[in-house]
Every structure is written in C-alpha cells, then in structure tokens.
C-alpha cells in the first residue's frame, strides 16, 4: 500500500475501519475468552471518558503533568493497601504485565550487580507454568532461567525450587494464579525459601491481582499471595485485566524504595538534558493511567466484590457443564475465572478448530494439550450456546476424526513430535513473520 497522496474524508476513514474490523473476534458478544476484559457499558464509558480527558498527556515527564503523577502515586498507594503493603511499599505503572515482569527482572539483575558483584551469571528460578514473558526478560537482560516442574496439582514444586537454589540465584518467582491452568502457586512456602536463602521473591499476580482479594472478601478460600507473606519483595498486577481499566496499564509494587531504585535508568551525559526513565517505555500514555485511577475510584471495593462474585458464579457454571462431558476434564482446582480443560480421548486442538468455525475464539495450549478460558461478565449469556457448540464439536470429532487433522491440530502435533524446540521456534517465527506482512495469511505450508 502506498502512502496516501491526499487525505480522505472522515466518513471514509471510519467506513474503512468498520470494514477492517468485520472479522475481529466478537469480544462484546462473549465469543472470545481472552485479550479483552469487558464488564459492561457503564464501566467502559467511564474509562473511555477518562482516557479522552487525558488523551494528549504524557507521563514521560511527571514534572510537566502533575495530574498524572498524582494519579500514579494514588494508584500505587491504593493497590499497595489492597495487597497488604505498608508505608514503605512503593511502585511504578507500566504498559502491561509483560513490561512489569521485564522491569522486575531488570531490577533484580541490577540490584545483584551492585550488592552481590560476585554473581557473574545471575539465575532466576521459574516454574514451567510461569508466564513466557519472563523468558523474554531473561533473554533481554542476560539472566539464566532455571526451570522447575509443577506437582500433580500444577503448583510449583517446592522441593524442586529449593534444590535449584544456588549461589547464583537472585530471584524465585511464583504466580497468583499462573496463566495455563489458573492455579495459585504456594506463595507462602516460596516466601519461606526466599528468606531462608536470602533471595528475592516476585509474585506475578498480573492475572489474579484484581480478582483474588475480592474473592477472599467474598468468602472464597484464597491462600495468602501478596505482601502479607514474609519474603515477598515485589508483585505485579494488571489494571487493564480484571480491574477493567483501559489498555495498557499495570502496577509493579516493591517492598521499599531501596529495591525500586534499581528499576530506574538514568543518563547524565546526554546533550538533550538529564535523562531518567522508570520503565522500558519513554512515552507513557496519560489516558491509560487516568482510566485506571478513574475505574478504581468509581467501582470501589464493594463494586469489585460484586463483579468478581458474578465471574466466580459464571465460571462455576462453565466448569459444571464442561465436567458433564465424560471426554473432558478440568486441569487442577482453579480459584479465579481462569481455567483449562483437556481430554484423554480427543484431540483438543481439532476440537478448537471446529469451535472456531462456529465463531468462538479459543486459546490453545500444550504440555499438556488443553484449551484455555478466562471468564468475564461478557460471558453471562453465552454459556448455553457454547456448551451446545461444544457438544456438537465433540460429536463431529468422534464420528470423523480423520477430517480434522489439519489446522491447529497439525501445528501442535508437529510441535509435540519435534524434540528440538529450537527448530519449532524457528518454524513459528517464520509463520508469524509471514503473517505480519501486508496480505499475509496464517499458513502451515
């Protein structure tokens, strides 16, 4: 496509935009189970208005936009209170969960460089269920990942974590909950190990941070996972997920300023002036920060408890109906609105392909093979339609499994069959690289 010689009308701009999004996932109709977190038009209208009010502002320089500095510090204070922090708890806002995790790893790497200079090859211990952005952080910042398995309940194996700690360990990580199965790692036990061996513990609560506290208030048995646990030194939680702020904004909290200092980058020898940046991005859209402040104050604790009780009820209805199929099983015992199901008799990737032909957008996983779901209030009216289509898909797959050997089933089957994951990585990089060109299509050939 050539750069436009002349501008087009506003009407034509929006006509084309409507045309382009015609094939997007129908998130408002509850046909997707990730990426968008929708709690209704009232909250959406509020966050959109707050975003527009601060559309042109930039948190790159808090000395210019004092409003954004106030929003950010108040959000940090509110969330520190929610996660049992104290007067010393500090933090930063980032563009999302990935950046929060990236910054946490950068922080602990730089802290170790300063305070433990004998560590030349820093290591962090990750359960295999830890979010993949931590692998990205390790790649970016030169920290070696030591993987540990999970137990039969998909929780981090505490004995394996302890066995992996050595003189190069700077960090261990637990998730609340982890993404693949929605299971909360044993944070209290991880905290005890962090204190015993003098290493840092980060809690990735990007998914559950704005779910678990409200479920606990509603009487759900939620194990301790935040700063109430001795040994936890940092925590990340996404405001644009289950707090329903506009994308993208996440909070990264530290136990004190002495730790957070290592997150910052400064450079004093630039002709453009003294430079300091709190996170990976320079420009930080003020609208996202304003939307987060607005929604936390508008909804409040009572409102969030009500929303998350509803999500819990919806999730239990989904789980009950899925468990009614003898071919399917739920992985572990998920506490929040995140779960996965697998099958001992069916190819679940083929099942997902069939469901996608019916208009559902299904996230697929491997190790073990399963389908992944995150429930929001948008799914209230789609439980029965989804179960009907799931029942139909199971029947079709059982009747003619040979018809459904292409698509995702082929991709995930190939991935499982090739032991050299470097080769698999190169393959999926090539697929994505081709797809993200103009006119590119998803092609397994």
Protein backbone atom coordinates (compact mmCIF):
# COMPACT_ATOMS: atom_id res chain seq x y z
CA UNK A 1 0.00 0.00 0.00
CA UNK A 2 1.42 3.39 -0.99
CA UNK A 3 1.46 6.38 1.33
CA UNK A 4 -1.74 8.37 0.59
CA UNK A 5 -1.14 11.35 -1.68
CA UNK A 6 -4.21 13.15 -0.41
CA UNK A 7 -6.28 12.73 2.69
CA UNK A 8 -9.68 11.06 2.60
CA UNK A 9 -12.86 12.16 4.30
CA UNK A 10 -13.61 11.40 7.93
CA UNK A 11 -16.58 9.30 6.83
CA UNK A 12 -14.37 7.22 4.55
CA UNK A 13 -11.77 6.77 7.30
CA UNK A 14 -14.35 5.24 9.61
CA UNK A 15 -16.05 3.26 6.85
CA UNK A 16 -12.75 1.52 6.16
CA UNK A 17 -12.11 0.95 9.84
CA UNK A 18 -15.51 -0.71 10.22
CA UNK A 19 -14.73 -2.85 7.19
CA UNK A 20 -11.33 -3.88 8.57
CA UNK A 21 -12.72 -4.98 11.94
CA UNK A 22 -15.53 -7.06 10.47
CA UNK A 23 -13.58 -10.29 11.04
CA UNK A 24 -12.27 -9.38 14.51
CA UNK A 25 -13.20 -11.53 17.48
CA UNK A 26 -16.65 -10.66 18.82
CA UNK A 27 -15.49 -9.90 22.36
CA UNK A 28 -18.52 -7.85 23.39
CA UNK A 29 -20.74 -10.80 22.48
CA UNK A 30 -18.69 -13.15 24.68
CA UNK A 31 -17.29 -15.10 21.71
CA UNK A 32 -13.68 -14.66 22.85
CA UNK A 33 -12.13 -15.96 26.06
CA UNK A 34 -9.04 -13.73 26.37
CA UNK A 35 -7.46 -10.41 25.35
CA UNK A 36 -10.46 -8.22 26.21
CA UNK A 37 -11.90 -7.82 29.72
CA UNK A 38 -15.38 -6.37 29.46
CA UNK A 39 -17.52 -5.53 32.48
CA UNK A 40 -20.35 -3.69 30.75
CA UNK A 41 -21.04 -0.36 29.11
CA UNK A 42 -21.13 1.74 32.28
CA UNK A 43 -17.53 0.96 33.19
CA UNK A 44 -16.44 1.11 29.55
CA UNK A 45 -17.97 4.57 29.11
CA UNK A 46 -16.22 5.79 32.25
CA UNK A 47 -12.79 4.53 31.20
CA UNK A 48 -13.22 5.90 27.68
CA UNK A 49 -14.16 9.34 29.01
CA UNK A 50 -11.22 9.36 31.44
CA UNK A 51 -8.89 8.34 28.63
CA UNK A 52 -10.16 11.12 26.35
CA UNK A 53 -9.77 13.74 29.08
CA UNK A 54 -6.04 12.93 29.24
CA UNK A 55 -5.60 11.77 25.65
CA UNK A 56 -2.74 14.18 24.87
CA UNK A 57 -0.86 13.87 28.16
CA UNK A 58 2.42 12.01 28.54
CA UNK A 59 3.78 10.52 31.77
CA UNK A 60 7.29 10.67 30.30
CA UNK A 61 7.74 13.83 32.35
CA UNK A 62 5.76 13.89 35.62
CA UNK A 63 7.12 17.39 36.36
CA UNK A 64 5.00 18.73 33.48
CA UNK A 65 1.84 16.68 34.04
CA UNK A 66 1.37 16.77 37.79
CA UNK A 67 -2.09 15.26 37.40
CA UNK A 68 -0.56 12.04 36.04
CA UNK A 69 1.98 11.94 38.85
CA UNK A 70 -0.88 12.25 41.34
CA UNK A 71 -2.93 9.56 39.58
CA UNK A 72 0.06 7.23 39.53
CA UNK A 73 1.05 7.69 43.16
CA UNK A 74 -2.55 7.31 44.31
CA UNK A 75 -2.99 4.14 42.25
CA UNK A 76 0.21 2.76 43.77
CA UNK A 77 -0.98 3.67 47.26
CA UNK A 78 -4.41 2.11 46.73
CA UNK A 79 -3.01 -1.10 45.30
CA UNK A 80 -0.32 -1.34 47.98
CA UNK A 81 -3.14 -1.21 50.52
CA UNK A 82 -5.08 -3.87 48.62
CA UNK A 83 -2.04 -6.18 48.60
CA UNK A 84 -1.17 -5.72 52.30
CA UNK A 85 1.73 -3.39 51.72
CA UNK A 86 2.81 -0.86 54.34
CA UNK A 87 4.07 2.72 54.45
CA UNK A 88 7.32 1.66 52.79
CA UNK A 89 5.67 -0.05 49.80
CA UNK A 90 6.33 1.77 46.51
CA UNK A 91 5.85 1.05 42.83
CA UNK A 92 5.55 2.13 39.23
CA UNK A 93 2.98 1.88 36.47
CA UNK A 94 3.87 0.08 33.26
CA UNK A 95 2.18 -0.64 29.95
CA UNK A 96 1.11 -4.16 30.94
CA UNK A 97 2.03 -7.44 32.56
CA UNK A 98 4.93 -8.16 30.24
CA UNK A 99 6.61 -4.84 30.95
CA UNK A 100 6.04 -5.25 34.68
CA UNK A 101 7.79 -8.62 34.60
CA UNK A 102 10.57 -7.27 32.39
CA UNK A 103 11.18 -4.43 34.82
CA UNK A 104 11.16 -6.73 37.85
CA UNK A 105 13.87 -8.91 36.30
CA UNK A 106 15.90 -5.85 35.26
CA UNK A 107 15.58 -4.52 38.81
CA UNK A 108 16.85 -7.67 40.49
CA UNK A 109 19.64 -8.12 37.96
CA UNK A 110 20.90 -4.60 38.59
CA UNK A 111 20.50 -4.94 42.34
CA UNK A 112 22.63 -8.09 42.26
CA UNK A 113 25.26 -6.33 40.15
CA UNK A 114 25.55 -3.64 42.81
CA UNK A 115 25.09 -5.61 46.03
CA UNK A 116 26.34 -9.07 45.00
CA UNK A 117 29.10 -8.36 42.48
CA UNK A 118 30.49 -11.88 42.92
CA UNK A 119 27.49 -13.14 40.90
CA UNK A 120 28.70 -13.09 37.29
CA UNK A 121 25.94 -15.29 35.85
CA UNK A 122 22.68 -14.45 37.63
CA UNK A 123 19.92 -17.06 37.69
CA UNK A 124 16.19 -16.99 38.37
CA UNK A 125 14.03 -19.97 39.21
CA UNK A 126 10.77 -20.29 37.29
CA UNK A 127 8.10 -22.96 37.49
CA UNK A 128 7.41 -24.26 33.98
CA UNK A 129 3.99 -22.57 34.19
CA UNK A 130 5.48 -19.08 34.70
CA UNK A 131 4.49 -16.60 32.02
CA UNK A 132 6.51 -16.71 28.80
CA UNK A 133 7.33 -13.00 29.06
CA UNK A 134 9.75 -13.98 31.82
CA UNK A 135 11.65 -15.99 29.23
CA UNK A 136 11.74 -12.80 27.16
CA UNK A 137 13.05 -10.89 30.18
CA UNK A 138 15.78 -13.47 30.67
CA UNK A 139 16.72 -13.17 27.01
CA UNK A 140 16.80 -9.37 27.12
CA UNK A 141 18.67 -8.97 30.40
CA UNK A 142 21.06 -11.90 30.41
CA UNK A 143 19.59 -13.80 33.34
CA UNK A 144 19.71 -17.58 33.18
CA UNK A 145 16.37 -19.37 33.66
CA UNK A 146 16.32 -22.48 35.82
CA UNK A 147 13.04 -24.29 35.24
CA UNK A 148 11.38 -26.38 37.92
CA UNK A 149 8.39 -28.72 37.49
CA UNK A 150 4.95 -28.47 38.99
CA UNK A 151 3.34 -31.03 41.23
CA UNK A 152 0.27 -33.08 40.32
CA UNK A 153 -1.94 -30.06 41.12
CA UNK A 154 0.01 -27.80 38.72
CA UNK A 155 1.59 -25.82 41.57
CA UNK A 156 5.29 -25.02 41.72
CA UNK A 157 7.14 -27.99 43.25
CA UNK A 158 8.64 -26.58 46.45
CA UNK A 159 11.27 -29.31 46.84
CA UNK A 160 12.43 -28.73 43.26
CA UNK A 161 12.62 -24.98 43.87
CA UNK A 162 14.78 -25.45 46.96
CA UNK A 163 17.04 -27.92 45.16
CA UNK A 164 17.56 -25.39 42.35
CA UNK A 165 18.72 -22.52 44.59
CA UNK A 166 22.46 -21.90 44.42
CA UNK A 167 25.00 -19.09 44.86
CA UNK A 168 23.95 -17.50 41.54
CA UNK A 169 20.24 -17.36 42.33
CA UNK A 170 18.92 -13.80 42.54
CA UNK A 171 15.19 -14.46 42.24
CA UNK A 172 12.46 -17.03 42.57
CA UNK A 173 9.00 -16.49 41.12
CA UNK A 174 5.51 -17.58 41.97
CA UNK A 175 2.23 -16.87 40.15
CA UNK A 176 -1.15 -15.96 41.60
CA UNK A 177 -2.51 -17.55 39.56
CA UNK A 178 -0.37 -18.91 36.75
CA UNK A 179 -1.78 -18.46 33.26
CA UNK A 180 -2.00 -22.02 31.82
CA UNK A 181 -4.38 -23.59 34.36
CA UNK A 182 -5.36 -20.71 36.65
CA UNK A 183 -3.64 -22.30 39.67
CA UNK A 184 -2.11 -20.30 42.53
CA UNK A 185 1.47 -21.28 43.36
CA UNK A 186 2.33 -21.93 47.05
CA UNK A 187 3.49 -18.36 47.72
CA UNK A 188 3.87 -18.80 51.49
CA UNK A 189 6.28 -21.71 51.02
CA UNK A 190 8.17 -19.81 48.34
CA UNK A 191 8.45 -16.85 50.71
CA UNK A 192 9.96 -19.09 53.38
CA UNK A 193 12.59 -20.25 50.88
CA UNK A 194 13.34 -16.67 49.83
CA UNK A 195 14.01 -15.71 53.44
CA UNK A 196 16.00 -18.86 54.17
CA UNK A 197 18.38 -18.36 51.26
CA UNK A 198 18.39 -14.56 51.03
CA UNK A 199 16.94 -14.24 47.53
CA UNK A 200 14.16 -12.10 46.14
CA UNK A 201 10.62 -13.34 45.50
CA UNK A 202 8.41 -11.79 42.84
CA UNK A 203 4.71 -12.64 42.67
CA UNK A 204 3.21 -12.48 39.19
CA UNK A 205 -0.37 -11.51 40.00
CA UNK A 206 -0.93 -9.89 36.61
CA UNK A 207 -4.00 -12.07 36.09
CA UNK A 208 -5.26 -12.52 39.62
CA UNK A 209 -4.24 -9.34 41.37
CA UNK A 210 -7.60 -7.69 40.88
CA UNK A 211 -9.58 -10.88 41.35
CA UNK A 212 -8.18 -12.79 44.32
CA UNK A 213 -8.50 -10.08 47.02
CA UNK A 214 -12.16 -9.53 46.19
CA UNK A 215 -12.94 -13.23 46.08
CA UNK A 216 -11.33 -13.57 49.50
CA UNK A 217 -13.51 -10.74 50.79
CA UNK A 218 -16.49 -12.65 49.40
CA UNK A 219 -15.57 -15.72 51.46
CA UNK A 220 -13.65 -17.79 48.90
CA UNK A 221 -10.72 -19.73 50.32
CA UNK A 222 -7.78 -17.89 48.75
CA UNK A 223 -4.30 -18.72 50.08
CA UNK A 224 -2.04 -15.78 51.01
CA UNK A 225 -0.16 -14.49 47.98
CA UNK A 226 0.85 -10.86 48.48
CA UNK A 227 2.93 -8.71 50.86
CA UNK A 228 1.20 -10.40 53.80
CA UNK A 229 3.57 -13.29 53.03
CA UNK A 230 7.03 -12.81 54.58
CA UNK A 231 9.65 -12.98 51.84
CA UNK A 232 7.61 -11.39 49.04
CA UNK A 233 9.64 -8.44 47.76
CA UNK A 234 7.61 -7.41 44.69
CA UNK A 235 4.28 -8.03 42.99
CA UNK A 236 2.79 -7.14 39.62
CA UNK A 237 -0.92 -6.85 38.79
CA UNK A 238 -2.60 -5.67 35.60
CA UNK A 239 -5.18 -2.94 35.90
CA UNK A 240 -6.36 -3.46 32.32
CA UNK A 241 -7.37 -7.04 33.03
CA UNK A 242 -9.75 -7.74 35.90
CA UNK A 243 -9.74 -4.16 37.21
CA UNK A 244 -11.23 -3.23 33.78
CA UNK A 245 -9.09 -0.15 33.08
CA UNK A 246 -8.26 0.83 29.51
CA UNK A 247 -5.25 -0.85 27.93
CA UNK A 248 -2.47 -0.75 28.75
CA UNK A 249 -1.63 -0.23 32.38
CA UNK A 250 -0.17 -2.50 35.06
CA UNK A 251 1.15 -1.83 38.54
CA UNK A 252 4.53 -3.10 39.77
CA UNK A 253 4.99 -2.86 43.53
CA UNK A 254 8.16 -3.23 45.62
CA UNK A 255 8.58 -3.73 49.33
CA UNK A 256 10.60 -0.49 49.58
CA UNK A 257 12.32 2.31 47.67
CA UNK A 258 15.75 0.71 48.04
CA UNK A 259 14.64 -2.08 45.69
CA UNK A 260 12.68 0.11 43.26
CA UNK A 261 15.71 2.36 42.74
CA UNK A 262 17.28 -0.36 40.59
CA UNK A 263 14.33 -0.29 38.20
CA UNK A 264 15.13 3.25 37.08
CA UNK A 265 17.52 4.16 34.28
CA UNK A 266 19.37 7.48 34.30
CA UNK A 267 21.86 9.10 31.93
CA UNK A 268 23.55 12.39 32.75
CA UNK A 269 25.85 12.82 29.71
CA UNK A 270 23.27 13.50 27.01
CA UNK A 271 23.24 16.84 25.14
CA UNK A 272 19.45 16.66 25.31
CA UNK A 273 19.47 17.07 29.09
CA UNK A 274 19.43 14.93 32.20
CA UNK A 275 17.51 11.76 31.39
CA UNK A 276 15.74 9.38 33.73
CA UNK A 277 13.14 6.75 32.93
CA UNK A 278 11.23 4.48 35.33
CA UNK A 279 10.42 1.73 32.84
CA UNK A 280 11.13 0.31 29.39
CA UNK A 281 8.94 2.81 27.58
CA UNK A 282 9.66 6.50 27.24
CA UNK A 283 6.31 7.95 26.32
CA UNK A 284 3.60 6.65 28.63
CA UNK A 285 0.04 7.49 27.51
CA UNK A 286 -1.66 9.55 30.19
CA UNK A 287 -5.08 8.30 29.13
CA UNK A 288 -4.39 4.76 30.30
CA UNK A 289 -3.21 5.99 33.71
CA UNK A 290 -6.22 8.28 34.07
CA UNK A 291 -8.59 5.44 33.16
CA UNK A 292 -7.08 3.21 35.84
CA UNK A 293 -7.43 5.87 38.52
CA UNK A 294 -11.00 6.57 37.43
CA UNK A 295 -12.18 2.96 37.43
CA UNK A 296 -10.63 2.08 40.80
CA UNK A 297 -12.38 5.04 42.40
CA UNK A 298 -15.66 4.54 40.52
CA UNK A 299 -16.07 0.82 41.22
CA UNK A 300 -14.52 0.63 44.69
CA UNK A 301 -14.06 -2.48 46.78
CA UNK A 302 -17.78 -3.23 47.12
CA UNK A 303 -18.26 -2.96 43.36
CA UNK A 304 -15.33 -5.23 42.61
CA UNK A 305 -16.55 -7.83 45.09
CA UNK A 306 -19.91 -7.84 43.31
CA UNK A 307 -18.32 -8.16 39.86
CA UNK A 308 -15.97 -10.96 40.88
CA UNK A 309 -18.67 -12.91 42.70
CA UNK A 310 -20.55 -12.83 39.41
CA UNK A 311 -17.47 -14.00 37.50
CA UNK A 312 -17.00 -16.80 40.04
CA UNK A 313 -20.61 -17.92 39.59
CA UNK A 314 -20.28 -17.84 35.80
CA UNK A 315 -17.04 -19.81 35.98
CA UNK A 316 -18.62 -22.49 38.16
CA UNK A 317 -21.47 -22.83 35.69
CA UNK A 318 -18.99 -23.29 32.84
CA UNK A 319 -16.99 -25.82 34.86
CA UNK A 320 -20.07 -27.82 35.86
CA UNK A 321 -21.25 -28.08 32.26
CA UNK A 322 -17.81 -28.98 30.91
CA UNK A 323 -17.35 -31.66 33.59
CA UNK A 324 -20.61 -33.24 32.40
CA UNK A 325 -18.81 -34.43 29.24
CA UNK A 326 -17.04 -37.74 30.00
CA UNK A 327 -14.50 -36.97 27.28
CA UNK A 328 -13.25 -33.82 29.06
CA UNK A 329 -11.58 -32.93 32.35
CA UNK A 330 -10.63 -29.70 34.14
CA UNK A 331 -6.95 -29.25 34.96
CA UNK A 332 -6.39 -28.75 38.67
CA UNK A 333 -8.60 -26.75 41.01
CA UNK A 334 -8.79 -23.19 39.64
CA UNK A 335 -9.88 -20.49 42.11
CA UNK A 336 -10.41 -17.48 39.85
CA UNK A 337 -12.13 -17.06 36.49
CA UNK A 338 -9.29 -18.79 34.64
CA UNK A 339 -9.28 -22.49 33.78
CA UNK A 340 -8.32 -25.05 31.15
CA UNK A 341 -9.79 -28.35 30.03
CA UNK A 342 -8.19 -31.30 28.31
CA UNK A 343 -9.17 -34.75 27.08
CA UNK A 344 -7.74 -38.24 27.30
CA UNK A 345 -9.62 -39.39 24.19
CA UNK A 346 -9.97 -36.39 21.86
CA UNK A 347 -7.55 -34.08 20.08
CA UNK A 348 -8.47 -30.81 21.79
CA UNK A 349 -6.72 -28.75 19.09
CA UNK A 350 -9.03 -30.26 16.48
CA UNK A 351 -11.90 -29.53 18.86
CA UNK A 352 -10.81 -25.88 19.00
CA UNK A 353 -10.71 -25.71 15.19
CA UNK A 354 -14.30 -26.94 14.99
CA UNK A 355 -15.43 -24.44 17.63
CA UNK A 356 -13.70 -21.61 15.80
CA UNK A 357 -15.72 -22.46 12.70
CA UNK A 358 -18.77 -21.72 14.88
CA UNK A 359 -17.41 -18.27 15.73
CA UNK A 360 -15.63 -18.94 19.02
CA UNK A 361 -12.07 -17.74 19.60
CA UNK A 362 -10.31 -20.44 21.62
CA UNK A 363 -6.83 -20.22 23.17
CA UNK A 364 -4.85 -23.45 22.79
CA UNK A 365 -2.06 -24.82 24.97
CA UNK A 366 0.34 -27.72 25.14
CA UNK A 367 2.25 -29.65 27.83
CA UNK A 368 -0.41 -30.86 28.45
CA UNK A 369 -2.69 -30.27 25.46
CA UNK A 370 -5.68 -28.26 26.62
CA UNK A 371 -7.95 -25.30 25.84
CA UNK A 372 -7.75 -22.14 27.92
CA UNK A 373 -10.54 -19.83 29.13
CA UNK A 374 -10.79 -16.54 31.03
CA UNK A 375 -14.29 -15.61 32.11
CA UNK A 376 -15.72 -12.07 32.39
CA UNK A 377 -19.26 -10.70 32.78
CA UNK A 378 -19.45 -10.68 28.96
CA UNK A 379 -19.90 -14.47 29.06
CA UNK A 380 -23.12 -14.44 31.06
CA UNK A 381 -25.36 -15.10 28.05
CA UNK A 382 -23.15 -17.48 26.09
CA UNK A 383 -22.85 -20.48 28.41
CA UNK A 384 -25.62 -22.49 26.78
CA UNK A 385 -24.67 -21.58 23.17
CA UNK A 386 -21.06 -22.51 23.90
CA UNK A 387 -22.00 -25.83 25.53
CA UNK A 388 -24.29 -26.65 22.60
CA UNK A 389 -21.48 -25.98 20.11
CA UNK A 390 -19.01 -27.89 22.28
CA UNK A 391 -21.34 -30.90 22.36
CA UNK A 392 -21.71 -30.69 18.58
CA UNK A 393 -17.95 -30.39 18.09
CA UNK A 394 -17.30 -33.46 20.27
CA UNK A 395 -19.81 -35.48 18.27
CA UNK A 396 -18.29 -34.40 14.94
CA UNK A 397 -14.76 -35.18 16.08
CA UNK A 398 -15.70 -38.59 17.46
CA UNK A 399 -17.59 -39.50 14.30
CA UNK A 400 -14.87 -38.45 11.81
CA UNK A 401 -11.52 -37.72 13.49
CA UNK A 402 -9.72 -38.05 10.15
CA UNK A 403 -11.48 -34.91 8.88
CA UNK A 404 -9.82 -32.70 11.47
CA UNK A 405 -6.11 -33.39 11.16
CA UNK A 406 -5.08 -30.03 9.69
CA UNK A 407 -5.04 -26.52 11.16
CA UNK A 408 -4.15 -26.21 14.83
CA UNK A 409 -4.15 -29.97 15.31
CA UNK A 410 -1.37 -30.25 12.74
CA UNK A 411 0.63 -27.35 14.20
CA UNK A 412 0.51 -28.58 17.78
CA UNK A 413 1.04 -32.17 16.68
CA UNK A 414 4.15 -31.15 14.79
CA UNK A 415 5.42 -29.19 17.78
CA UNK A 416 4.99 -32.17 20.10
CA UNK A 417 6.65 -34.55 17.65
CA UNK A 418 9.84 -32.49 17.23
CA UNK A 419 12.09 -32.79 20.30
CA UNK A 420 14.34 -29.92 19.17
CA UNK A 421 12.36 -26.87 20.29
CA UNK A 422 14.85 -24.53 18.62
CA UNK A 423 13.60 -25.92 15.34
CA UNK A 424 9.99 -25.39 16.43
CA UNK A 425 10.80 -21.81 17.48
CA UNK A 426 12.26 -21.08 14.06
CA UNK A 427 9.17 -22.54 12.40
CA UNK A 428 6.67 -20.46 14.36
CA UNK A 429 8.84 -17.34 13.91
CA UNK A 430 8.66 -17.85 10.17
CA UNK A 431 4.87 -18.31 10.29
CA UNK A 432 4.41 -15.14 12.34
CA UNK A 433 6.87 -13.13 10.27
CA UNK A 434 4.98 -14.02 7.09
CA UNK A 435 1.59 -13.40 8.68
CA UNK A 436 2.54 -9.89 9.83
CA UNK A 437 3.28 -8.67 6.30
CA UNK A 438 0.66 -6.90 4.21
CA UNK A 439 -1.67 -9.56 2.87
CA UNK A 440 -0.05 -12.27 4.97
CA UNK A 441 -2.21 -15.24 5.96
CA UNK A 442 -1.89 -17.99 8.56
CA UNK A 443 -0.32 -20.81 6.57
CA UNK A 444 1.11 -24.09 7.85
CA UNK A 445 2.56 -25.00 4.46
